[in-house]
C-alpha atoms as a PDB file:
ATOM      1  CA  MET A   1      80.945 109.905  49.995  1.00  0.00           C
ATOM      2  CA  ASP A   2      77.980 112.062  51.005  1.00  0.00           C
ATOM      3  CA  LYS A   3      75.790 112.125  48.198  1.00  0.00           C
ATOM      4  CA  LYS A   4      74.839 108.423  46.616  1.00  0.00           C
ATOM      5  CA  LEU A   5      75.717 108.667  43.266  1.00  0.00           C
ATOM      6  CA  LYS A   6      73.036 107.676  40.895  1.00  0.00           C
ATOM      7  CA  VAL A   7      74.510 105.163  37.971  1.00  0.00           C
ATOM      8  CA  ALA A   8      73.066 103.930  34.337  1.00  0.00           C
ATOM      9  CA  ASN A   9      75.062 101.302  32.629  1.00  0.00           C
ATOM     10  CA  ILE A  10      75.157 101.099  28.933  1.00  0.00           C
ATOM     11  CA  GLY A  11      75.914  97.913  27.501  1.00  0.00           C
ATOM     12  CA  MET A  12      74.983  94.368  29.877  1.00  0.00           C
ATOM     13  CA  LYS A  13      76.343  91.691  27.546  1.00  0.00           C
ATOM     14  CA  PHE A  14      80.511  93.377  28.404  1.00  0.00           C
ATOM     15  CA  GLY A  15      78.989  96.046  31.124  1.00  0.00           C
ATOM     16  CA  MET A  16      77.205  94.085  34.133  1.00  0.00           C
ATOM     17  CA  SER A  17      80.888  94.176  36.167  1.00  0.00           C
ATOM     18  CA  HIS A  18      79.800  97.812  35.978  1.00  0.00           C
ATOM     19  CA  VAL A  19      76.972  97.191  37.781  1.00  0.00           C
ATOM     20  CA  GLU A  20      78.446  95.063  39.982  1.00  0.00           C
ATOM     21  CA  GLY A  21      81.022  97.582  40.607  1.00  0.00           C
ATOM     22  CA  ALA A  22      78.585 100.871  41.326  1.00  0.00           C
ATOM     23  CA  MET A  23      76.520  98.840  43.887  1.00  0.00           C
ATOM     24  CA  SER A  24      79.920  97.656  45.306  1.00  0.00           C
ATOM     25  CA  CYS A  25      80.470 101.678  46.348  1.00  0.00           C
ATOM     26  CA  ASP A  26      76.535 101.569  47.396  1.00  0.00           C
ATOM     27  CA  ALA A  27      75.524 103.449  44.171  1.00  0.00           C
ATOM     28  CA  GLU A  28      71.962 103.187  42.880  1.00  0.00           C
ATOM     29  CA  ILE A  29      71.607 101.593  39.855  1.00  0.00           C
ATOM     30  CA  ALA A  30      69.299 104.314  38.126  1.00  0.00           C
ATOM     31  CA  ALA A  31      68.532 102.181  34.602  1.00  0.00           C
ATOM     32  CA  ILE A  32      70.431  99.849  32.653  1.00  0.00           C
ATOM     33  CA  CYS A  33      70.539  99.869  28.863  1.00  0.00           C
ATOM     34  CA  ASP A  34      71.006  97.748  26.210  1.00  0.00           C
ATOM     35  CA  SER A  35      69.523  97.581  22.839  1.00  0.00           C
ATOM     36  CA  ASP A  36      69.411  93.519  22.908  1.00  0.00           C
ATOM     37  CA  GLU A  37      65.958  92.674  25.250  1.00  0.00           C
ATOM     38  CA  GLU A  38      67.781  89.640  26.269  1.00  0.00           C
ATOM     39  CA  ASN A  39      70.472  90.986  27.496  1.00  0.00           C
ATOM     40  CA  LEU A  40      68.621  93.265  28.828  1.00  0.00           C
ATOM     41  CA  ARG A  41      66.266  91.357  30.545  1.00  0.00           C
ATOM     42  CA  PHE A  42      69.003  89.239  31.769  1.00  0.00           C
ATOM     43  CA  ALA A  43      70.748  91.429  33.497  1.00  0.00           C
ATOM     44  CA  GLY A  44      67.985  93.147  35.288  1.00  0.00           C
ATOM     45  CA  GLU A  45      67.210  89.611  36.699  1.00  0.00           C
ATOM     46  CA  ARG A  46      70.256  89.145  37.959  1.00  0.00           C
ATOM     47  CA  TYR A  47      70.510  92.016  39.945  1.00  0.00           C
ATOM     48  CA  SER A  48      67.121  92.859  40.786  1.00  0.00           C
ATOM     49  CA  ILE A  49      66.476  95.816  38.731  1.00  0.00           C
ATOM     50  CA  PRO A  50      62.990  96.443  38.334  1.00  0.00           C
ATOM     51  CA  GLU A  51      61.542  96.615  34.474  1.00  0.00           C
ATOM     52  CA  GLU A  52      60.870 100.391  34.793  1.00  0.00           C
ATOM     53  CA  LYS A  53      64.601 100.715  35.105  1.00  0.00           C
ATOM     54  CA  ARG A  54      65.599  98.799  31.669  1.00  0.00           C
ATOM     55  CA  PHE A  55      66.137 100.701  28.521  1.00  0.00           C
ATOM     56  CA  LEU A  56      66.274  99.833  24.862  1.00  0.00           C
ATOM     57  CA  ASP A  57      67.686 102.986  23.511  1.00  0.00           C
ATOM     58  CA  TYR A  58      70.069 105.121  25.364  1.00  0.00           C
ATOM     59  CA  LYS A  59      68.611 108.518  24.454  1.00  0.00           C
ATOM     60  CA  ASP A  60      65.810 107.956  26.509  1.00  0.00           C
ATOM     61  CA  LEU A  61      68.371 108.629  29.902  1.00  0.00           C
ATOM     62  CA  LEU A  62      70.290 111.979  28.072  1.00  0.00           C
ATOM     63  CA  GLU A  63      67.736 114.072  29.783  1.00  0.00           C
ATOM     64  CA  ARG A  64      67.165 112.586  32.923  1.00  0.00           C
ATOM     65  CA  GLU A  65      68.337 114.471  35.839  1.00  0.00           C
ATOM     66  CA  ASP A  66      68.265 111.573  38.654  1.00  0.00           C
ATOM     67  CA  ILE A  67      70.739 110.117  36.346  1.00  0.00           C
ATOM     68  CA  ASP A  68      74.792 111.595  37.452  1.00  0.00           C
ATOM     69  CA  VAL A  69      76.994 108.604  36.256  1.00  0.00           C
ATOM     70  CA  VAL A  70      76.659 106.815  32.987  1.00  0.00           C
ATOM     71  CA  THR A  71      79.298 103.917  32.764  1.00  0.00           C
ATOM     72  CA  VAL A  72      79.719 102.409  28.762  1.00  0.00           C
ATOM     73  CA  ALA A  73      80.415  99.166  28.077  1.00  0.00           C
ATOM     74  CA  ILE A  74      79.425  98.744  24.202  1.00  0.00           C
ATOM     75  CA  PRO A  75      80.702  97.786  20.864  1.00  0.00           C
ATOM     76  CA  ASP A  76      84.084 100.136  20.560  1.00  0.00           C
ATOM     77  CA  GLN A  77      82.941 101.795  17.224  1.00  0.00           C
ATOM     78  CA  GLN A  78      80.113 103.039  19.512  1.00  0.00           C
ATOM     79  CA  HIS A  79      82.390 104.563  22.170  1.00  0.00           C
ATOM     80  CA  CYS A  80      82.933 108.031  20.601  1.00  0.00           C
ATOM     81  CA  ARG A  81      79.743 108.957  19.389  1.00  0.00           C
ATOM     82  CA  VAL A  82      77.829 107.542  23.268  1.00  0.00           C
ATOM     83  CA  SER A  83      80.078 109.162  25.580  1.00  0.00           C
ATOM     84  CA  CYS A  84      79.891 112.409  24.007  1.00  0.00           C
ATOM     85  CA  ASP A  85      75.798 112.194  23.601  1.00  0.00           C
ATOM     86  CA  PHE A  86      76.037 111.678  27.802  1.00  0.00           C
ATOM     87  CA  LEU A  87      78.791 114.201  28.340  1.00  0.00           C
ATOM     88  CA  ARG A  88      76.879 116.626  26.788  1.00  0.00           C
ATOM     89  CA  ALA A  89      74.010 116.045  28.616  1.00  0.00           C
ATOM     90  CA  GLY A  90      76.308 116.910  31.386  1.00  0.00           C
ATOM     91  CA  LYS A  91      76.400 113.324  32.672  1.00  0.00           C
ATOM     92  CA  HIS A  92      79.934 111.913  34.189  1.00  0.00           C
ATOM     93  CA  VAL A  93      81.015 109.322  31.938  1.00  0.00           C
ATOM     94  CA  LEU A  94      82.958 105.898  32.919  1.00  0.00           C
ATOM     95  CA  CYS A  95      83.786 104.530  29.307  1.00  0.00           C
ATOM     96  CA  GLU A  96      85.283 101.169  28.484  1.00  0.00           C
ATOM     97  CA  LYS A  97      88.895 101.044  26.670  1.00  0.00           C
ATOM     98  CA  PRO A  98      89.674 101.036  23.992  1.00  0.00           C
ATOM     99  CA  LEU A  99      88.816 104.653  23.931  1.00  0.00           C
ATOM    100  CA  ALA A 100      88.124 104.483  20.641  1.00  0.00           C
ATOM    101  CA  LEU A 101      89.286 103.331  17.406  1.00  0.00           C
ATOM    102  CA  THR A 102      90.556 106.541  15.283  1.00  0.00           C
ATOM    103  CA  ARG A 103      92.199 109.309  15.893  1.00  0.00           C
ATOM    104  CA  GLU A 104      88.921 111.534  14.421  1.00  0.00           C
ATOM    105  CA  ASP A 105      87.263 109.704  17.438  1.00  0.00           C
ATOM    106  CA  LEU A 106      89.989 110.222  19.700  1.00  0.00           C
ATOM    107  CA  GLU A 107      89.940 113.967  19.034  1.00  0.00           C
ATOM    108  CA  GLU A 108      86.207 114.610  19.012  1.00  0.00           C
ATOM    109  CA  ILE A 109      85.944 112.958  22.650  1.00  0.00           C
ATOM    110  CA  ILE A 110      88.589 114.616  23.893  1.00  0.00           C
ATOM    111  CA  LYS A 111      86.810 117.871  22.447  1.00  0.00           C
ATOM    112  CA  THR A 112      83.740 117.041  24.028  1.00  0.00           C
ATOM    113  CA  GLU A 113      85.424 116.749  27.393  1.00  0.00           C
ATOM    114  CA  ASP A 114      87.234 119.738  27.364  1.00  0.00           C
ATOM    115  CA  GLU A 115      83.830 121.418  26.583  1.00  0.00           C
ATOM    116  CA  SER A 116      82.102 119.593  29.243  1.00  0.00           C
ATOM    117  CA  ASP A 117      81.748 120.540  32.687  1.00  0.00           C
ATOM    118  CA  ALA A 118      81.719 116.675  33.664  1.00  0.00           C
ATOM    119  CA  GLN A 119      84.152 113.934  34.624  1.00  0.00           C
ATOM    120  CA  PHE A 120      85.363 111.556  31.897  1.00  0.00           C
ATOM    121  CA  MET A 121      87.219 108.593  32.787  1.00  0.00           C
ATOM    122  CA  VAL A 122      88.418 105.628  30.121  1.00  0.00           C
ATOM    123  CA  GLY A 123      88.314 102.020  31.730  1.00  0.00           C
ATOM    124  CA  GLN A 124      91.672 100.977  31.693  1.00  0.00           C
ATOM    125  CA  ILE A 125      91.134  98.358  34.219  1.00  0.00           C
ATOM    126  CA  CYS A 126      94.755  96.865  34.070  1.00  0.00           C
ATOM    127  CA  ARG A 127      96.009  99.627  36.551  1.00  0.00           C
ATOM    128  CA  PHE A 128      93.216  98.805  39.100  1.00  0.00           C
ATOM    129  CA  THR A 129      94.779  94.669  38.793  1.00  0.00           C
ATOM    130  CA  PRO A 130      96.622  93.936  42.039  1.00  0.00           C
ATOM    131  CA  ALA A 131      99.617  92.350  40.742  1.00  0.00           C
ATOM    132  CA  PHE A 132     100.263  95.533  38.115  1.00  0.00           C
ATOM    133  CA  GLU A 133      99.478  97.652  41.465  1.00  0.00           C
ATOM    134  CA  LYS A 134     102.089  95.942  43.355  1.00  0.00           C
ATOM    135  CA  ALA A 135     104.815  96.050  40.311  1.00  0.00           C
ATOM    136  CA  LYS A 136     104.028  99.268  40.136  1.00  0.00           C
ATOM    137  CA  GLU A 137     104.894 100.286  43.503  1.00  0.00           C
ATOM    138  CA  LEU A 138     108.219  98.075  43.468  1.00  0.00           C
ATOM    139  CA  VAL A 139     109.526  99.646  40.549  1.00  0.00           C
ATOM    140  CA  GLU A 140     108.811 103.196  41.905  1.00  0.00           C
ATOM    141  CA  SER A 141     110.649 102.236  45.632  1.00  0.00           C
ATOM    142  CA  GLY A 142     113.653 101.633  43.402  1.00  0.00           C
ATOM    143  CA  THR A 143     113.379  97.998  44.634  1.00  0.00           C
ATOM    144  CA  ILE A 144     114.785  96.665  41.222  1.00  0.00           C
ATOM    145  CA  GLY A 145     116.879  99.341  40.334  1.00  0.00           C
ATOM    146  CA  GLU A 146     116.710 101.620  37.280  1.00  0.00           C
ATOM    147  CA  VAL A 147     114.220  99.631  34.663  1.00  0.00           C
ATOM    148  CA  TYR A 148     116.334  99.253  31.051  1.00  0.00           C
ATOM    149  CA  PHE A 149     113.550  96.853  29.413  1.00  0.00           C
ATOM    150  CA  ILE A 150     109.911  96.128  30.079  1.00  0.00           C
ATOM    151  CA  GLU A 151     107.630  93.559  28.123  1.00  0.00           C
ATOM    152  CA  SER A 152     103.701  92.818  28.197  1.00  0.00           C
ATOM    153  CA  GLU A 153     101.338  90.691  26.168  1.00  0.00           C
ATOM    154  CA  TYR A 154      98.012  90.225  25.767  1.00  0.00           C
ATOM    155  CA  ALA A 155      97.194  86.554  24.773  1.00  0.00           C
ATOM    156  CA  HIS A 156      93.932  85.797  24.574  1.00  0.00           C
ATOM    157  CA  ASP A 157      91.946  83.449  22.237  1.00  0.00           C
ATOM    158  CA  TYR A 158      89.243  85.160  20.028  1.00  0.00           C
ATOM    159  CA  MET A 159      87.981  81.524  18.074  1.00  0.00           C
ATOM    160  CA  LYS A 160      84.892  81.832  20.004  1.00  0.00           C
ATOM    161  CA  LEU A 161      84.468  85.260  20.413  1.00  0.00           C
ATOM    162  CA  VAL A 162      84.603  86.862  17.066  1.00  0.00           C
ATOM    163  CA  ASP A 163      81.798  88.784  16.102  1.00  0.00           C
ATOM    164  CA  ASN A 164      80.746  91.818  13.759  1.00  0.00           C
ATOM    165  CA  TRP A 165      82.397  94.191  15.282  1.00  0.00           C
ATOM    166  CA  ARG A 166      85.180  92.356  16.413  1.00  0.00           C
ATOM    167  CA  SER A 167      85.909  91.727  12.804  1.00  0.00           C
ATOM    168  CA  ASP A 168      86.009  95.022  12.070  1.00  0.00           C
ATOM    169  CA  PRO A 169      89.408  96.043  10.098  1.00  0.00           C
ATOM    170  CA  LEU A 170      89.083  98.971  12.311  1.00  0.00           C
ATOM    171  CA  ARG A 171      89.301  96.731  15.106  1.00  0.00           C
ATOM    172  CA  HIS A 172      92.779  95.396  15.051  1.00  0.00           C
ATOM    173  CA  GLY A 173      93.617  92.794  18.035  1.00  0.00           C
ATOM    174  CA  VAL A 174      96.358  95.793  18.955  1.00  0.00           C
ATOM    175  CA  ILE A 175      93.753  98.351  19.440  1.00  0.00           C
ATOM    176  CA  GLY A 176      91.127  96.347  20.864  1.00  0.00           C
ATOM    177  CA  GLY A 177      92.633  94.104  23.289  1.00  0.00           C
ATOM    178  CA  GLY A 178      96.306  94.948  22.818  1.00  0.00           C
ATOM    179  CA  CYS A 179      95.623  97.861  24.651  1.00  0.00           C
ATOM    180  CA  HIS A 180      95.505  96.789  27.375  1.00  0.00           C
ATOM    181  CA  ALA A 181      99.376  95.839  27.449  1.00  0.00           C
ATOM    182  CA  VAL A 182     100.274  98.662  25.835  1.00  0.00           C
ATOM    183  CA  ASP A 183      98.342 101.543  28.423  1.00  0.00           C
ATOM    184  CA  LEU A 184     100.314  98.910  31.455  1.00  0.00           C
ATOM    185  CA  ILE A 185     103.778  99.590  29.928  1.00  0.00           C
ATOM    186  CA  ARG A 186     103.067 103.448  29.389  1.00  0.00           C
ATOM    187  CA  TRP A 187     101.279 103.707  33.429  1.00  0.00           C
ATOM    188  CA  ILE A 188     105.122 101.850  34.469  1.00  0.00           C
ATOM    189  CA  VAL A 189     107.611 103.785  32.283  1.00  0.00           C
ATOM    190  CA  GLY A 190     106.308 106.479  30.464  1.00  0.00           C
ATOM    191  CA  ASP A 191     105.020 106.828  27.000  1.00  0.00           C
ATOM    192  CA  PRO A 192     107.304 105.129  23.757  1.00  0.00           C
ATOM    193  CA  VAL A 193     108.978 107.439  21.083  1.00  0.00           C
ATOM    194  CA  GLU A 194     109.225 105.030  18.307  1.00  0.00           C
ATOM    195  CA  VAL A 195     107.721 101.714  17.816  1.00  0.00           C
ATOM    196  CA  PHE A 196     108.043  99.142  15.362  1.00  0.00           C
ATOM    197  CA  ALA A 197     106.208  96.020  14.891  1.00  0.00           C
ATOM    198  CA  TYR A 198     105.878  92.915  12.739  1.00  0.00           C
ATOM    199  CA  GLY A 199     102.824  91.114  12.300  1.00  0.00           C
ATOM    200  CA  THR A 200     100.964  87.543  11.010  1.00  0.00           C
ATOM    201  CA  HIS A 201      97.734  86.048  10.435  1.00  0.00           C
ATOM    202  CA  LYS A 202      97.529  82.661  11.013  1.00  0.00           C
ATOM    203  CA  LEU A 203      94.690  81.875  13.285  1.00  0.00           C
ATOM    204  CA  LEU A 204      91.808  83.802  12.642  1.00  0.00           C
ATOM    205  CA  PRO A 205      90.500  82.951   9.108  1.00  0.00           C
ATOM    206  CA  THR A 206      87.596  85.753   9.389  1.00  0.00           C
ATOM    207  CA  VAL A 207      88.994  88.500  10.414  1.00  0.00           C
ATOM    208  CA  ALA A 208      91.018  90.867   7.904  1.00  0.00           C
ATOM    209  CA  TYR A 209      93.704  91.886  10.735  1.00  0.00           C
ATOM    210  CA  ASP A 210      96.709  90.335  11.453  1.00  0.00           C
ATOM    211  CA  ASP A 211      95.859  87.664  14.738  1.00  0.00           C
ATOM    212  CA  ALA A 212      99.248  88.106  16.104  1.00  0.00           C
ATOM    213  CA  THR A 213     101.436  91.153  16.183  1.00  0.00           C
ATOM    214  CA  VAL A 214     105.365  92.134  18.002  1.00  0.00           C
ATOM    215  CA  ALA A 215     105.843  95.742  18.578  1.00  0.00           C
ATOM    216  CA  ILE A 216     109.161  96.747  19.752  1.00  0.00           C
ATOM    217  CA  MET A 217     109.069 100.225  21.663  1.00  0.00           C
ATOM    218  CA  LYS A 218     111.888 103.064  22.181  1.00  0.00           C
ATOM    219  CA  PHE A 219     111.650 104.901  25.398  1.00  0.00           C
ATOM    220  CA  ASN A 220     113.595 107.967  26.482  1.00  0.00           C
ATOM    221  CA  ASP A 221     116.488 107.496  29.200  1.00  0.00           C
ATOM    222  CA  ASN A 222     118.087 104.351  27.579  1.00  0.00           C
ATOM    223  CA  LEU A 223     115.093 102.312  28.381  1.00  0.00           C
ATOM    224  CA  MET A 224     112.949  99.647  25.410  1.00  0.00           C
ATOM    225  CA  GLY A 225     109.942  97.662  25.946  1.00  0.00           C
ATOM    226  CA  LYS A 226     107.833  94.886  23.966  1.00  0.00           C
ATOM    227  CA  VAL A 227     104.235  94.264  23.724  1.00  0.00           C
ATOM    228  CA  PHE A 228     103.187  90.945  22.181  1.00  0.00           C
ATOM    229  CA  VAL A 229      99.208  90.563  21.604  1.00  0.00           C
ATOM    230  CA  SER A 230      97.962  87.565  19.913  1.00  0.00           C
ATOM    231  CA  THR A 231      94.212  86.927  19.741  1.00  0.00           C
ATOM    232  CA  GLY A 232      94.260  83.156  18.050  1.00  0.00           C
ATOM    233  CA  CYS A 233      96.753  81.696  20.538  1.00  0.00           C
ATOM    234  CA  LYS A 234      96.240  78.635  21.887  1.00  0.00           C
ATOM    235  CA  ARG A 235      96.414  78.701  25.664  1.00  0.00           C
ATOM    236  CA  ASP A 236      94.527  80.466  28.258  1.00  0.00           C
ATOM    237  CA  TYR A 237      94.130  84.050  28.473  1.00  0.00           C
ATOM    238  CA  THR A 238      97.165  85.955  30.179  1.00  0.00           C
ATOM    239  CA  MET A 239      98.885  89.277  30.735  1.00  0.00           C
ATOM    240  CA  ARG A 240     102.415  88.021  31.253  1.00  0.00           C
ATOM    241  CA  THR A 241     104.888  90.599  32.006  1.00  0.00           C
ATOM    242  CA  CYS A 242     107.954  90.898  33.059  1.00  0.00           C
ATOM    243  CA  ILE A 243     109.963  94.444  34.046  1.00  0.00           C
ATOM    244  CA  TYR A 244     113.848  93.998  34.079  1.00  0.00           C
ATOM    245  CA  GLY A 245     115.534  96.767  36.287  1.00  0.00           C
ATOM    246  CA  THR A 246     119.538  96.705  37.035  1.00  0.00           C
ATOM    247  CA  LYS A 247     118.872  95.538  40.743  1.00  0.00           C
ATOM    248  CA  GLY A 248     116.352  93.108  39.774  1.00  0.00           C
ATOM    249  CA  THR A 249     113.508  91.408  37.706  1.00  0.00           C
ATOM    250  CA  ILE A 250     109.630  91.337  38.362  1.00  0.00           C
ATOM    251  CA  ILE A 251     107.242  89.047  36.544  1.00  0.00           C
ATOM    252  CA  CYS A 252     103.612  88.850  36.942  1.00  0.00           C
ATOM    253  CA  ASP A 253      99.969  88.410  35.416  1.00  0.00           C
ATOM    254  CA  ASN A 254      96.476  88.539  35.785  1.00  0.00           C
ATOM    255  CA  THR A 255      95.324  85.617  36.510  1.00  0.00           C
ATOM    256  CA  SER A 256      97.902  84.261  38.745  1.00  0.00           C
ATOM    257  CA  PRO A 257      97.591  84.367  42.314  1.00  0.00           C
ATOM    258  CA  THR A 258     101.792  85.077  42.894  1.00  0.00           C
ATOM    259  CA  MET A 259     103.891  86.950  41.627  1.00  0.00           C
ATOM    260  CA  THR A 260     108.123  86.442  41.841  1.00  0.00           C
ATOM    261  CA  LEU A 261     110.519  89.327  42.201  1.00  0.00           C
ATOM    262  CA  PHE A 262     114.630  88.756  41.584  1.00  0.00           C
ATOM    263  CA  THR A 263     116.368  90.969  43.815  1.00  0.00           C
ATOM    264  CA  THR A 264     120.173  91.619  44.152  1.00  0.00           C
ATOM    265  CA  ASP A 265     122.728  91.396  47.460  1.00  0.00           C
ATOM    266  CA  GLU A 266     125.506  94.339  47.546  1.00  0.00           C
ATOM    267  CA  GLU A 267     127.673  92.790  45.772  1.00  0.00           C
ATOM    268  CA  GLY A 268     124.999  92.487  42.730  1.00  0.00           C
ATOM    269  CA  VAL A 269     124.817  88.731  43.019  1.00  0.00           C
ATOM    270  CA  VAL A 270     121.333  87.610  42.800  1.00  0.00           C
ATOM    271  CA  LYS A 271     119.433  86.367  45.346  1.00  0.00           C
ATOM    272  CA  GLU A 272     116.854  83.842  46.301  1.00  0.00           C
ATOM    273  CA  PRO A 273     113.229  84.916  44.588  1.00  0.00           C
ATOM    274  CA  GLN A 274     110.928  86.001  46.371  1.00  0.00           C
ATOM    275  CA  THR A 275     107.228  84.757  45.911  1.00  0.00           C
ATOM    276  CA  ILE A 276     104.943  87.098  46.747  1.00  0.00           C
ATOM    277  CA  ASP A 277     101.091  86.699  46.885  1.00  0.00           C
ATOM    278  CA  VAL A 278      98.330  88.858  44.820  1.00  0.00           C
ATOM    279  CA  GLN A 279      94.422  89.086  45.188  1.00  0.00           C
ATOM    280  CA  VAL A 280      93.589  87.683  41.660  1.00  0.00           C
ATOM    281  CA  ASN A 281      91.048  90.112  40.171  1.00  0.00           C
ATOM    282  CA  ASN A 282      91.878  90.759  36.370  1.00  0.00           C
ATOM    283  CA  HIS A 283      88.320  92.972  36.180  1.00  0.00           C
ATOM    284  CA  ASN A 284      88.684  94.872  39.485  1.00  0.00           C
ATOM    285  CA  ALA A 285      85.411  97.272  38.458  1.00  0.00           C
ATOM    286  CA  ALA A 286      84.973  97.848  42.233  1.00  0.00           C
ATOM    287  CA  LYS A 287      88.529  99.750  42.565  1.00  0.00           C
ATOM    288  CA  GLU A 288      87.718 101.623  39.057  1.00  0.00           C
ATOM    289  CA  PHE A 289      84.389 102.646  40.148  1.00  0.00           C
ATOM    290  CA  GLU A 290      85.659 103.759  43.486  1.00  0.00           C
ATOM    291  CA  VAL A 291      88.233 105.721  42.058  1.00  0.00           C
ATOM    292  CA  PHE A 292      86.013 107.706  39.929  1.00  0.00           C
ATOM    293  CA  ALA A 293      83.345 107.814  42.558  1.00  0.00           C
ATOM    294  CA  ASP A 294      86.383 109.782  44.775  1.00  0.00           C
ATOM    295  CA  ALA A 295      87.166 112.404  41.828  1.00  0.00           C
ATOM    296  CA  ILE A 296      83.901 113.211  41.002  1.00  0.00           C
ATOM    297  CA  ALA A 297      83.373 113.582  45.077  1.00  0.00           C
ATOM    298  CA  ASN A 298      86.501 116.254  45.392  1.00  0.00           C
ATOM    299  CA  ASN A 299      86.264 117.693  41.837  1.00  0.00           C
ATOM    300  CA  ARG A 300      89.009 116.263  40.815  1.00  0.00           C
ATOM    301  CA  LYS A 301      90.588 114.456  37.841  1.00  0.00           C
ATOM    302  CA  VAL A 302      91.332 111.079  37.161  1.00  0.00           C
ATOM    303  CA  LEU A 303      94.623 109.547  35.973  1.00  0.00           C
ATOM    304  CA  THR A 304      93.045 108.120  33.039  1.00  0.00           C
ATOM    305  CA  ASP A 305      91.345 110.842  31.533  1.00  0.00           C
ATOM    306  CA  ALA A 306      90.474 110.919  27.514  1.00  0.00           C
ATOM    307  CA  ARG A 307      94.156 112.401  26.935  1.00  0.00           C
ATOM    308  CA  GLU A 308      95.588 109.600  28.351  1.00  0.00           C
ATOM    309  CA  GLY A 309      93.129 107.085  26.848  1.00  0.00           C
ATOM    310  CA  ALA A 310      94.454 108.617  23.805  1.00  0.00           C
ATOM    311  CA  LYS A 311      97.327 108.617  23.831  1.00  0.00           C
ATOM    312  CA  THR A 312      97.203 104.605  24.426  1.00  0.00           C
ATOM    313  CA  VAL A 313      95.345 104.327  21.290  1.00  0.00           C
ATOM    314  CA  GLU A 314      97.566 106.158  19.340  1.00  0.00           C
ATOM    315  CA  VAL A 315     100.501 103.822  20.637  1.00  0.00           C
ATOM    316  CA  CYS A 316      98.431 100.913  19.407  1.00  0.00           C
ATOM    317  CA  LEU A 317      97.702 102.957  15.695  1.00  0.00           C
ATOM    318  CA  SER A 318     101.246 103.621  15.497  1.00  0.00           C
ATOM    319  CA  ILE A 319     101.995 100.125  15.966  1.00  0.00           C
ATOM    320  CA  VAL A 320      99.324  99.064  13.679  1.00  0.00           C
ATOM    321  CA  GLU A 321     100.922 100.969  11.276  1.00  0.00           C
ATOM    322  CA  SER A 322     104.266 100.325  11.304  1.00  0.00           C
ATOM    323  CA  SER A 323     103.423  96.645  11.041  1.00  0.00           C
ATOM    324  CA  GLU A 324     101.412  97.319   7.889  1.00  0.00           C
ATOM    325  CA  THR A 325     104.319  99.627   6.175  1.00  0.00           C
ATOM    326  CA  GLY A 326     107.554  97.828   7.506  1.00  0.00           C
ATOM    327  CA  LYS A 327     108.486 101.090   9.166  1.00  0.00           C
ATOM    328  CA  PRO A 328     109.272 102.678  12.184  1.00  0.00           C
ATOM    329  CA  VAL A 329     106.253 105.196  13.352  1.00  0.00           C
ATOM    330  CA  ARG A 330     106.524 107.671  16.635  1.00  0.00           C
ATOM    331  CA  PRO A 331     103.518 108.282  17.988  1.00  0.00           C
ATOM    332  CA  ASP A 332     102.015 111.786  17.980  1.00  0.00           C
ATOM    333  CA  TYR A 333     100.736 112.718  21.690  1.00  0.00           C
ATOM    334  CA  ASN A 334      99.338 115.941  20.911  1.00  0.00           C
ATOM    335  CA  PHE A 335      95.996 115.832  21.247  1.00  0.00           C
END
C-alpha cells in the first residue's frame, strides 16, 4: 500500500506476534503498550522500540494522531472496553479472539463498529493457517464432494497456563480456546442451527467450568458437526480436523507439516490417500495483518468483522448453555 501504516500494539505478553506481523508488512510501530513494566521492557528491547514509544496506559494513545491501527491482545474480559475506546477515537482495530465473553459486550462492540468510520477485525487466526486454508480450498472445489460431517478439536493443556483471567467463570474453555474450532467449522461449512453439548470436569481443579466439552452441531442441508474442547488434556496442543464428504475425506491440523486427502475413483472406490505438504504456521499474524492492511487501503470490510466474531462467540455461548442445562440450544445470530 502507498501509505505506511503506523501501528500501536496493546498487550505485550500475547501481542508480540502482532508486532512481528505488522513489521513483516512494513508498518511502522508507533507505540507498544502493556500495564506490566517487565513485559513492556522485554518487548521493547526485543524489537528495538525506544522507551518514548513504550506506554503503560492505553488511554495515553487514544488521541495520538500518529496512530492508524491498533492491535488488541489483552485478556478477553478487556476486549470490549479497549476496542470500543479506540474505535471511538477513529483508530482501525484488530482485536484478538474471542471477540468478547458476553452477549452484552458483543452487542456493544458491534454498535460501536457501526457508528465508527474505522475498520474492525477479529483475529480468527485459524482462517490464516495454511492447512486449514487448503482444506477450505479443497471443499469449495468439490474435491471431496458434498460435506456431510465435519469435526474439529481444541486440545490444549492449560495446567501451567491458568491464571486469574483464565480462571474467570465467564471465560469458559469453549469460549476462550474452543472458539478456534467453532470458528473454523463456521468458516468452512456455515452456521449451525442447533447445538447439544456435554461436559466433564476432571483435570483443572482451579477453575469452576468444565475442562472437557463435546458439542454436536446440526446444520441445514443434511450436515452435522462436532467440536471437542479439552483444556486439561495430557497431550501436545492440536486442532485436529476431519472433513467428510460424499467423494472423499480431509484430515488435517495446525501443527503438522502434512495433511491427508482421501478421494474416490469413478466407481466410488477409495484411492490411495494423498499426502499434501503444508507450511506449519498456527499463528499466521503476518497474513492476518496483511489482509487487514489491504482492507484499510481499499476501504473494504474484512470478512471477520465484529458481527462475524460475535456469531462464533454466540455458538460457544450456546454450547456452554446446552452443557449446563442438558437441552439443545439454537444460537441467536441476530445482532
